Amino acid sequence: AEALLKGDARRPIETLMLHTFADGELSDDLRHVADALRERAAAMCSWEEYTRELASGEFAWSPVHKSERFWKENAARFEEKDCEALRRLVRLLAESPSMTTRAVACFDLGHFVTSYEPGRRLLNAACPHAKPALLEILANPGNDGVRLQQEALRALQKLLSQKWEFMAR
């Protein structure tokens, strides 16, 4: 089910739903599967799911990280409890022995700063060691660290770039 939650994996079901079938039960079954996938995706993209994964100290490329909706709805929650979630995220980025966890943490930092207007300022204030940690990954990615290095570069790019409309302020 997790593989089907990725955006491209839902397209075959949505395409099949556009057709009219002689068997009415097939159309009902397709609607049921599509609804179940939407519900499962929503459950997997909740703040509770994210904080559970963050507390475990292990990230995987799960739907919660890639969901634009999740970031738009929850980016501000990283400020809660004196930025506890943001600090944990940066700690995973810098200290986790898992390349995947570190790459996902980089990816998430990039989403955080682009999804939340005060994100750059907040990250710099609450976690001043975030940029040096990203630069360290670029300098020393480790074995099989190509994906990690790419995600660190993207996160750093998002962290350093400014939207033009905010430059006038």
N, C-alpha and C. Protein backbone atom coordinates (compact mmCIF):
# COMPACT_ATOMS: atom_id res chain seq x y z
N ALA A 1 0.82 -1.20 0.00
CA ALA A 1 0.00 0.00 0.00
C ALA A 1 0.87 1.26 0.00
N GLU A 2 2.02 1.21 0.71
CA GLU A 2 2.86 2.40 0.79
C GLU A 2 3.35 2.83 -0.59
N ALA A 3 3.72 1.86 -1.43
CA ALA A 3 4.20 2.19 -2.77
C ALA A 3 3.10 2.82 -3.60
N LEU A 4 1.86 2.42 -3.37
CA LEU A 4 0.75 2.97 -4.13
C LEU A 4 0.41 4.40 -3.73
N LEU A 5 0.89 4.83 -2.57
CA LEU A 5 0.57 6.17 -2.10
C LEU A 5 1.37 7.25 -2.80
N LYS A 6 2.45 6.88 -3.44
CA LYS A 6 3.23 7.87 -4.17
C LYS A 6 2.39 8.38 -5.32
N GLY A 7 2.52 9.66 -5.64
CA GLY A 7 1.68 10.32 -6.63
C GLY A 7 1.49 9.56 -7.92
N ASP A 8 2.56 9.08 -8.54
CA ASP A 8 2.45 8.41 -9.83
C ASP A 8 1.76 7.07 -9.73
N ALA A 9 1.80 6.43 -8.59
CA ALA A 9 1.21 5.10 -8.43
C ALA A 9 -0.31 5.17 -8.37
N ARG A 10 -0.89 6.31 -8.02
CA ARG A 10 -2.34 6.45 -7.96
C ARG A 10 -2.94 6.70 -9.34
N ARG A 11 -2.13 7.13 -10.27
CA ARG A 11 -2.64 7.49 -11.59
C ARG A 11 -3.34 6.34 -12.32
N PRO A 12 -2.82 5.11 -12.28
CA PRO A 12 -3.54 4.04 -12.98
C PRO A 12 -4.97 3.84 -12.47
N ILE A 13 -5.16 3.94 -11.16
CA ILE A 13 -6.50 3.78 -10.60
C ILE A 13 -7.38 4.94 -11.03
N GLU A 14 -6.84 6.16 -10.97
CA GLU A 14 -7.61 7.32 -11.40
C GLU A 14 -7.96 7.24 -12.89
N THR A 15 -7.04 6.74 -13.70
CA THR A 15 -7.30 6.58 -15.13
C THR A 15 -8.39 5.54 -15.37
N LEU A 16 -8.31 4.43 -14.65
CA LEU A 16 -9.34 3.40 -14.79
C LEU A 16 -10.71 3.91 -14.36
N MET A 17 -10.75 4.80 -13.40
CA MET A 17 -12.03 5.34 -12.93
C MET A 17 -12.70 6.23 -13.97
N LEU A 18 -11.94 6.71 -14.94
CA LEU A 18 -12.51 7.54 -16.01
C LEU A 18 -13.31 6.71 -17.02
N HIS A 19 -13.03 5.42 -17.07
CA HIS A 19 -13.71 4.54 -18.03
C HIS A 19 -15.06 4.09 -17.49
N THR A 20 -15.95 3.79 -18.40
CA THR A 20 -17.23 3.21 -18.03
C THR A 20 -17.15 1.72 -18.29
N PHE A 21 -17.42 0.95 -17.26
CA PHE A 21 -17.34 -0.50 -17.37
C PHE A 21 -18.74 -1.09 -17.34
N ALA A 22 -18.92 -2.17 -18.08
CA ALA A 22 -20.21 -2.86 -18.09
C ALA A 22 -20.50 -3.44 -16.70
N ASP A 23 -19.45 -3.82 -16.02
CA ASP A 23 -19.58 -4.38 -14.68
C ASP A 23 -19.58 -3.23 -13.67
N GLY A 24 -20.74 -2.91 -13.14
CA GLY A 24 -20.86 -1.81 -12.19
C GLY A 24 -20.08 -2.06 -10.91
N GLU A 25 -19.90 -3.31 -10.54
CA GLU A 25 -19.15 -3.63 -9.33
C GLU A 25 -17.68 -3.22 -9.47
N LEU A 26 -17.14 -3.32 -10.68
CA LEU A 26 -15.75 -2.93 -10.90
C LEU A 26 -15.56 -1.44 -10.63
N SER A 27 -16.49 -0.62 -11.10
CA SER A 27 -16.42 0.82 -10.84
C SER A 27 -16.51 1.11 -9.35
N ASP A 28 -17.40 0.40 -8.66
CA ASP A 28 -17.53 0.58 -7.21
C ASP A 28 -16.24 0.16 -6.49
N ASP A 29 -15.63 -0.93 -6.93
CA ASP A 29 -14.39 -1.40 -6.33
C ASP A 29 -13.26 -0.41 -6.54
N LEU A 30 -13.18 0.16 -7.74
CA LEU A 30 -12.15 1.15 -8.02
C LEU A 30 -12.32 2.38 -7.14
N ARG A 31 -13.57 2.84 -6.97
CA ARG A 31 -13.83 3.98 -6.10
C ARG A 31 -13.42 3.65 -4.65
N HIS A 32 -13.74 2.43 -4.23
CA HIS A 32 -13.39 2.00 -2.87
C HIS A 32 -11.86 1.99 -2.68
N VAL A 33 -11.12 1.46 -3.65
CA VAL A 33 -9.65 1.42 -3.57
C VAL A 33 -9.09 2.84 -3.56
N ALA A 34 -9.60 3.71 -4.42
CA ALA A 34 -9.12 5.09 -4.47
C ALA A 34 -9.39 5.81 -3.15
N ASP A 35 -10.57 5.61 -2.58
CA ASP A 35 -10.89 6.23 -1.29
C ASP A 35 -9.98 5.70 -0.19
N ALA A 36 -9.74 4.40 -0.18
CA ALA A 36 -8.87 3.80 0.84
C ALA A 36 -7.44 4.33 0.72
N LEU A 37 -6.96 4.49 -0.51
CA LEU A 37 -5.62 5.05 -0.70
C LEU A 37 -5.53 6.48 -0.22
N ARG A 38 -6.56 7.28 -0.51
CA ARG A 38 -6.57 8.67 -0.04
C ARG A 38 -6.57 8.73 1.49
N GLU A 39 -7.38 7.89 2.13
CA GLU A 39 -7.43 7.87 3.59
C GLU A 39 -6.08 7.44 4.18
N ARG A 40 -5.48 6.41 3.59
CA ARG A 40 -4.19 5.92 4.09
C ARG A 40 -3.10 6.98 3.89
N ALA A 41 -3.13 7.65 2.76
CA ALA A 41 -2.15 8.71 2.50
C ALA A 41 -2.32 9.85 3.50
N ALA A 42 -3.56 10.23 3.81
CA ALA A 42 -3.80 11.30 4.78
C ALA A 42 -3.29 10.89 6.16
N ALA A 43 -3.51 9.64 6.55
CA ALA A 43 -3.04 9.16 7.86
C ALA A 43 -1.52 9.13 7.91
N MET A 44 -0.89 8.78 6.80
CA MET A 44 0.57 8.70 6.77
C MET A 44 1.22 10.07 6.67
N CYS A 45 0.43 11.10 6.38
CA CYS A 45 0.97 12.44 6.20
C CYS A 45 0.48 13.37 7.31
N SER A 46 0.42 12.88 8.52
CA SER A 46 -0.03 13.69 9.64
C SER A 46 1.16 14.14 10.48
N TRP A 47 0.94 15.18 11.27
CA TRP A 47 1.98 15.68 12.16
C TRP A 47 2.35 14.59 13.17
N GLU A 48 1.38 13.83 13.64
CA GLU A 48 1.64 12.77 14.61
C GLU A 48 2.56 11.71 14.00
N GLU A 49 2.32 11.36 12.76
CA GLU A 49 3.17 10.37 12.09
C GLU A 49 4.59 10.92 11.93
N TYR A 50 4.69 12.18 11.57
CA TYR A 50 6.01 12.79 11.38
C TYR A 50 6.78 12.83 12.71
N THR A 51 6.13 13.28 13.78
CA THR A 51 6.83 13.36 15.07
C THR A 51 7.18 11.98 15.61
N ARG A 52 6.36 10.99 15.30
CA ARG A 52 6.68 9.62 15.70
C ARG A 52 7.96 9.14 15.00
N GLU A 53 8.04 9.43 13.71
CA GLU A 53 9.24 9.06 12.94
C GLU A 53 10.46 9.86 13.42
N LEU A 54 10.25 11.13 13.71
CA LEU A 54 11.34 11.99 14.21
C LEU A 54 11.85 11.49 15.56
N ALA A 55 10.95 11.09 16.44
CA ALA A 55 11.34 10.59 17.76
C ALA A 55 12.08 9.25 17.66
N SER A 56 11.77 8.47 16.64
CA SER A 56 12.44 7.18 16.47
C SER A 56 13.90 7.35 16.06
N GLY A 57 14.21 8.51 15.46
CA GLY A 57 15.58 8.75 15.01
C GLY A 57 15.90 8.11 13.68
N GLU A 58 14.90 7.55 13.02
CA GLU A 58 15.09 6.91 11.71
C GLU A 58 14.07 7.44 10.73
N PHE A 59 14.55 8.01 9.65
CA PHE A 59 13.69 8.47 8.58
C PHE A 59 13.80 7.51 7.40
N ALA A 60 12.70 7.39 6.67
CA ALA A 60 12.67 6.68 5.40
C ALA A 60 11.95 7.60 4.42
N TRP A 61 12.03 7.30 3.15
CA TRP A 61 11.38 8.14 2.14
C TRP A 61 9.88 7.84 2.13
N SER A 62 9.21 8.11 3.22
CA SER A 62 7.78 7.85 3.34
C SER A 62 6.97 9.03 2.81
N PRO A 63 5.68 8.82 2.56
CA PRO A 63 4.84 9.89 1.98
C PRO A 63 4.81 11.18 2.79
N VAL A 64 4.96 11.11 4.10
CA VAL A 64 4.88 12.32 4.91
C VAL A 64 5.95 13.34 4.50
N HIS A 65 7.10 12.88 4.08
CA HIS A 65 8.18 13.80 3.73
C HIS A 65 7.95 14.46 2.38
N LYS A 66 7.30 13.77 1.48
CA LYS A 66 7.14 14.27 0.12
C LYS A 66 5.82 15.00 -0.12
N SER A 67 4.96 15.04 0.88
CA SER A 67 3.64 15.64 0.72
C SER A 67 3.68 17.16 0.84
N GLU A 68 3.39 17.84 -0.25
CA GLU A 68 3.33 19.31 -0.24
C GLU A 68 2.26 19.78 0.75
N ARG A 69 1.16 19.07 0.78
CA ARG A 69 0.07 19.43 1.69
C ARG A 69 0.53 19.36 3.14
N PHE A 70 1.28 18.31 3.49
CA PHE A 70 1.79 18.19 4.85
C PHE A 70 2.61 19.41 5.23
N TRP A 71 3.52 19.82 4.35
CA TRP A 71 4.41 20.95 4.67
C TRP A 71 3.65 22.25 4.77
N LYS A 72 2.68 22.46 3.90
CA LYS A 72 1.89 23.69 3.97
C LYS A 72 1.08 23.76 5.27
N GLU A 73 0.54 22.62 5.69
CA GLU A 73 -0.31 22.59 6.89
C GLU A 73 0.48 22.54 8.19
N ASN A 74 1.70 22.01 8.18
CA ASN A 74 2.39 21.72 9.42
C ASN A 74 3.73 22.41 9.64
N ALA A 75 4.22 23.15 8.67
CA ALA A 75 5.54 23.77 8.82
C ALA A 75 5.61 24.68 10.05
N ALA A 76 4.54 25.38 10.34
CA ALA A 76 4.53 26.29 11.49
C ALA A 76 4.65 25.53 12.81
N ARG A 77 4.29 24.25 12.82
CA ARG A 77 4.33 23.47 14.05
C ARG A 77 5.76 23.17 14.52
N PHE A 78 6.73 23.41 13.65
CA PHE A 78 8.12 23.22 14.05
C PHE A 78 8.54 24.25 15.10
N GLU A 79 7.75 25.30 15.28
CA GLU A 79 8.05 26.32 16.30
C GLU A 79 7.58 25.89 17.69
N GLU A 80 6.69 24.90 17.75
CA GLU A 80 6.13 24.47 19.03
C GLU A 80 7.21 23.96 19.97
N LYS A 81 6.96 24.13 21.25
CA LYS A 81 7.86 23.64 22.31
C LYS A 81 9.29 24.11 22.10
N ASP A 82 9.42 25.42 21.87
CA ASP A 82 10.73 26.03 21.67
C ASP A 82 11.52 25.35 20.55
N CYS A 83 10.84 25.10 19.44
CA CYS A 83 11.45 24.54 18.21
C CYS A 83 12.03 23.14 18.44
N GLU A 84 11.41 22.35 19.30
CA GLU A 84 11.93 21.02 19.61
C GLU A 84 12.04 20.14 18.36
N ALA A 85 11.01 20.12 17.52
CA ALA A 85 11.05 19.28 16.32
C ALA A 85 12.13 19.75 15.36
N LEU A 86 12.29 21.04 15.22
CA LEU A 86 13.31 21.58 14.32
C LEU A 86 14.71 21.21 14.83
N ARG A 87 14.91 21.33 16.13
CA ARG A 87 16.21 20.97 16.72
C ARG A 87 16.51 19.48 16.54
N ARG A 88 15.50 18.65 16.71
CA ARG A 88 15.69 17.20 16.51
C ARG A 88 16.03 16.89 15.06
N LEU A 89 15.36 17.59 14.16
CA LEU A 89 15.61 17.39 12.73
C LEU A 89 17.06 17.72 12.39
N VAL A 90 17.54 18.84 12.88
CA VAL A 90 18.92 19.24 12.61
C VAL A 90 19.90 18.27 13.29
N ARG A 91 19.55 17.79 14.47
CA ARG A 91 20.40 16.81 15.16
C ARG A 91 20.52 15.52 14.33
N LEU A 92 19.40 15.05 13.77
CA LEU A 92 19.45 13.86 12.91
C LEU A 92 20.32 14.12 11.68
N LEU A 93 20.17 15.29 11.11
CA LEU A 93 20.95 15.67 9.94
C LEU A 93 22.45 15.60 10.23
N ALA A 94 22.84 16.04 11.41
CA ALA A 94 24.25 16.11 11.75
C ALA A 94 24.81 14.82 12.34
N GLU A 95 23.99 14.06 13.05
CA GLU A 95 24.53 12.97 13.85
C GLU A 95 24.10 11.56 13.47
N SER A 96 23.07 11.40 12.70
CA SER A 96 22.59 10.05 12.41
C SER A 96 23.63 9.25 11.63
N PRO A 97 23.80 7.98 11.98
CA PRO A 97 24.72 7.14 11.22
C PRO A 97 24.12 6.68 9.88
N SER A 98 22.81 6.84 9.73
CA SER A 98 22.12 6.38 8.52
C SER A 98 22.15 7.45 7.43
N MET A 99 22.68 7.09 6.28
CA MET A 99 22.72 8.02 5.13
C MET A 99 21.31 8.40 4.71
N THR A 100 20.39 7.43 4.73
CA THR A 100 19.01 7.70 4.32
C THR A 100 18.36 8.70 5.27
N THR A 101 18.53 8.48 6.57
CA THR A 101 17.96 9.40 7.56
C THR A 101 18.50 10.80 7.35
N ARG A 102 19.79 10.92 7.13
CA ARG A 102 20.40 12.23 6.93
C ARG A 102 19.92 12.88 5.64
N ALA A 103 19.76 12.08 4.58
CA ALA A 103 19.28 12.63 3.30
C ALA A 103 17.84 13.12 3.44
N VAL A 104 16.99 12.35 4.11
CA VAL A 104 15.60 12.77 4.32
C VAL A 104 15.55 14.01 5.20
N ALA A 105 16.41 14.09 6.20
CA ALA A 105 16.47 15.28 7.06
C ALA A 105 16.85 16.52 6.24
N CYS A 106 17.79 16.38 5.33
CA CYS A 106 18.16 17.50 4.44
C CYS A 106 16.96 17.91 3.60
N PHE A 107 16.29 16.92 3.04
CA PHE A 107 15.10 17.15 2.21
C PHE A 107 14.05 17.91 3.01
N ASP A 108 13.83 17.47 4.26
CA ASP A 108 12.82 18.10 5.11
C ASP A 108 13.20 19.54 5.47
N LEU A 109 14.47 19.79 5.73
CA LEU A 109 14.89 21.16 6.02
C LEU A 109 14.60 22.08 4.83
N GLY A 110 14.87 21.58 3.63
CA GLY A 110 14.57 22.36 2.43
C GLY A 110 13.09 22.66 2.32
N HIS A 111 12.25 21.67 2.59
CA HIS A 111 10.81 21.89 2.55
C HIS A 111 10.37 22.87 3.64
N PHE A 112 10.94 22.74 4.80
CA PHE A 112 10.57 23.63 5.90
C PHE A 112 10.84 25.09 5.54
N VAL A 113 12.02 25.40 5.04
CA VAL A 113 12.35 26.81 4.77
C VAL A 113 11.60 27.36 3.57
N THR A 114 11.15 26.51 2.66
CA THR A 114 10.40 27.02 1.51
C THR A 114 8.89 27.03 1.77
N SER A 115 8.43 26.24 2.73
CA SER A 115 6.99 26.16 3.01
C SER A 115 6.54 27.15 4.08
N TYR A 116 7.47 27.69 4.81
CA TYR A 116 7.13 28.54 5.96
C TYR A 116 7.95 29.82 5.85
N GLU A 117 7.28 30.94 5.64
CA GLU A 117 7.98 32.21 5.38
C GLU A 117 9.06 32.54 6.41
N PRO A 118 8.78 32.45 7.72
CA PRO A 118 9.85 32.75 8.68
C PRO A 118 10.81 31.58 8.92
N GLY A 119 10.72 30.55 8.09
CA GLY A 119 11.53 29.35 8.30
C GLY A 119 13.03 29.58 8.28
N ARG A 120 13.52 30.37 7.35
CA ARG A 120 14.96 30.64 7.27
C ARG A 120 15.46 31.34 8.53
N ARG A 121 14.74 32.38 8.92
CA ARG A 121 15.11 33.13 10.12
C ARG A 121 15.05 32.24 11.35
N LEU A 122 13.99 31.46 11.45
CA LEU A 122 13.82 30.58 12.61
C LEU A 122 14.92 29.52 12.67
N LEU A 123 15.24 28.93 11.54
CA LEU A 123 16.29 27.91 11.50
C LEU A 123 17.63 28.52 11.90
N ASN A 124 17.94 29.69 11.38
CA ASN A 124 19.20 30.35 11.73
C ASN A 124 19.28 30.70 13.21
N ALA A 125 18.14 31.09 13.79
CA ALA A 125 18.13 31.48 15.20
C ALA A 125 18.15 30.27 16.13
N ALA A 126 17.32 29.27 15.84
CA ALA A 126 17.19 28.11 16.73
C ALA A 126 18.29 27.08 16.54
N CYS A 127 18.79 26.99 15.33
CA CYS A 127 19.79 25.95 15.00
C CYS A 127 20.92 26.56 14.17
N PRO A 128 21.75 27.39 14.78
CA PRO A 128 22.80 28.04 14.00
C PRO A 128 23.82 27.06 13.41
N HIS A 129 23.83 25.83 13.88
CA HIS A 129 24.77 24.83 13.37
C HIS A 129 24.22 24.06 12.17
N ALA A 130 23.02 24.42 11.68
CA ALA A 130 22.41 23.72 10.54
C ALA A 130 23.24 23.93 9.26
N LYS A 131 23.58 25.18 8.95
CA LYS A 131 24.38 25.44 7.74
C LYS A 131 25.74 24.75 7.80
N PRO A 132 26.48 24.86 8.90
CA PRO A 132 27.75 24.13 8.97
C PRO A 132 27.59 22.61 8.81
N ALA A 133 26.48 22.06 9.32
CA ALA A 133 26.25 20.62 9.17
C ALA A 133 26.02 20.26 7.70
N LEU A 134 25.28 21.11 7.00
CA LEU A 134 25.06 20.88 5.57
C LEU A 134 26.37 20.99 4.79
N LEU A 135 27.17 21.99 5.13
CA LEU A 135 28.46 22.17 4.46
C LEU A 135 29.40 20.98 4.74
N GLU A 136 29.32 20.45 5.95
CA GLU A 136 30.14 19.27 6.29
C GLU A 136 29.75 18.07 5.44
N ILE A 137 28.46 17.90 5.21
CA ILE A 137 28.01 16.80 4.35
C ILE A 137 28.54 16.99 2.93
N LEU A 138 28.52 18.22 2.44
CA LEU A 138 29.03 18.48 1.10
C LEU A 138 30.52 18.18 1.01
N ALA A 139 31.24 18.48 2.06
CA ALA A 139 32.69 18.26 2.06
C ALA A 139 33.04 16.79 2.27
N ASN A 140 32.26 16.08 3.08
CA ASN A 140 32.57 14.69 3.43
C ASN A 140 31.30 13.84 3.43
N PRO A 141 30.79 13.47 2.26
CA PRO A 141 29.53 12.74 2.21
C PRO A 141 29.63 11.29 2.71
N GLY A 142 30.81 10.73 2.75
CA GLY A 142 30.96 9.33 3.16
C GLY A 142 30.72 8.38 2.00
N ASN A 143 30.81 7.10 2.29
CA ASN A 143 30.59 6.08 1.26
C ASN A 143 29.14 6.10 0.80
N ASP A 144 28.93 5.95 -0.47
CA ASP A 144 27.58 5.93 -1.06
C ASP A 144 26.77 7.16 -0.67
N GLY A 145 27.44 8.29 -0.50
CA GLY A 145 26.76 9.50 -0.04
C GLY A 145 26.31 10.43 -1.15
N VAL A 146 26.16 9.94 -2.37
CA VAL A 146 25.78 10.81 -3.49
C VAL A 146 24.39 11.40 -3.25
N ARG A 147 23.43 10.57 -2.88
CA ARG A 147 22.06 11.08 -2.64
C ARG A 147 22.07 12.04 -1.46
N LEU A 148 22.82 11.71 -0.42
CA LEU A 148 22.93 12.58 0.74
C LEU A 148 23.52 13.93 0.33
N GLN A 149 24.56 13.91 -0.47
CA GLN A 149 25.21 15.13 -0.91
C GLN A 149 24.25 15.97 -1.77
N GLN A 150 23.48 15.32 -2.64
CA GLN A 150 22.50 16.04 -3.46
C GLN A 150 21.45 16.72 -2.60
N GLU A 151 20.95 15.99 -1.61
CA GLU A 151 19.91 16.57 -0.75
C GLU A 151 20.47 17.70 0.11
N ALA A 152 21.71 17.56 0.57
CA ALA A 152 22.34 18.63 1.35
C ALA A 152 22.52 19.88 0.48
N LEU A 153 22.92 19.69 -0.76
CA LEU A 153 23.10 20.83 -1.66
C LEU A 153 21.77 21.52 -1.93
N ARG A 154 20.72 20.74 -2.17
CA ARG A 154 19.39 21.33 -2.40
C ARG A 154 18.91 22.10 -1.16
N ALA A 155 19.10 21.50 0.02
CA ALA A 155 18.67 22.17 1.25
C ALA A 155 19.43 23.47 1.46
N LEU A 156 20.72 23.43 1.23
CA LEU A 156 21.55 24.63 1.38
C LEU A 156 21.13 25.71 0.38
N GLN A 157 20.84 25.30 -0.84
CA GLN A 157 20.37 26.23 -1.86
C GLN A 157 19.07 26.90 -1.41
N LYS A 158 18.14 26.12 -0.90
CA LYS A 158 16.86 26.69 -0.44
C LYS A 158 17.06 27.58 0.78
N LEU A 159 17.97 27.20 1.63
CA LEU A 159 18.24 27.98 2.84
C LEU A 159 18.88 29.32 2.50
N LEU A 160 19.73 29.35 1.49
CA LEU A 160 20.44 30.58 1.15
C LEU A 160 19.70 31.47 0.17
N SER A 161 18.76 30.91 -0.59
CA SER A 161 18.05 31.73 -1.59
C SER A 161 16.92 32.49 -0.91
N GLN A 162 16.59 33.61 -1.48
CA GLN A 162 15.53 34.46 -0.97
C GLN A 162 14.50 34.67 -2.07
N LYS A 163 13.24 34.76 -1.68
CA LYS A 163 12.21 35.09 -2.66
C LYS A 163 12.30 36.58 -2.94
N TRP A 164 12.21 36.95 -4.20
CA TRP A 164 12.40 38.34 -4.60
C TRP A 164 11.40 39.28 -3.93
N GLU A 165 10.16 38.82 -3.74
CA GLU A 165 9.17 39.72 -3.15
C GLU A 165 9.50 40.10 -1.70
N PHE A 166 10.32 39.28 -1.02
CA PHE A 166 10.68 39.58 0.35
C PHE A 166 11.98 40.39 0.44
N MET A 167 12.69 40.53 -0.67
CA MET A 167 13.94 41.26 -0.66
C MET A 167 13.73 42.76 -0.41
N ALA A 168 12.58 43.29 -0.82
CA ALA A 168 12.31 44.72 -0.67
C ALA A 168 12.03 45.10 0.78
N ARG A 169 11.70 44.13 1.61
CA ARG A 169 11.36 44.42 3.02
C ARG A 169 12.55 44.80 3.82
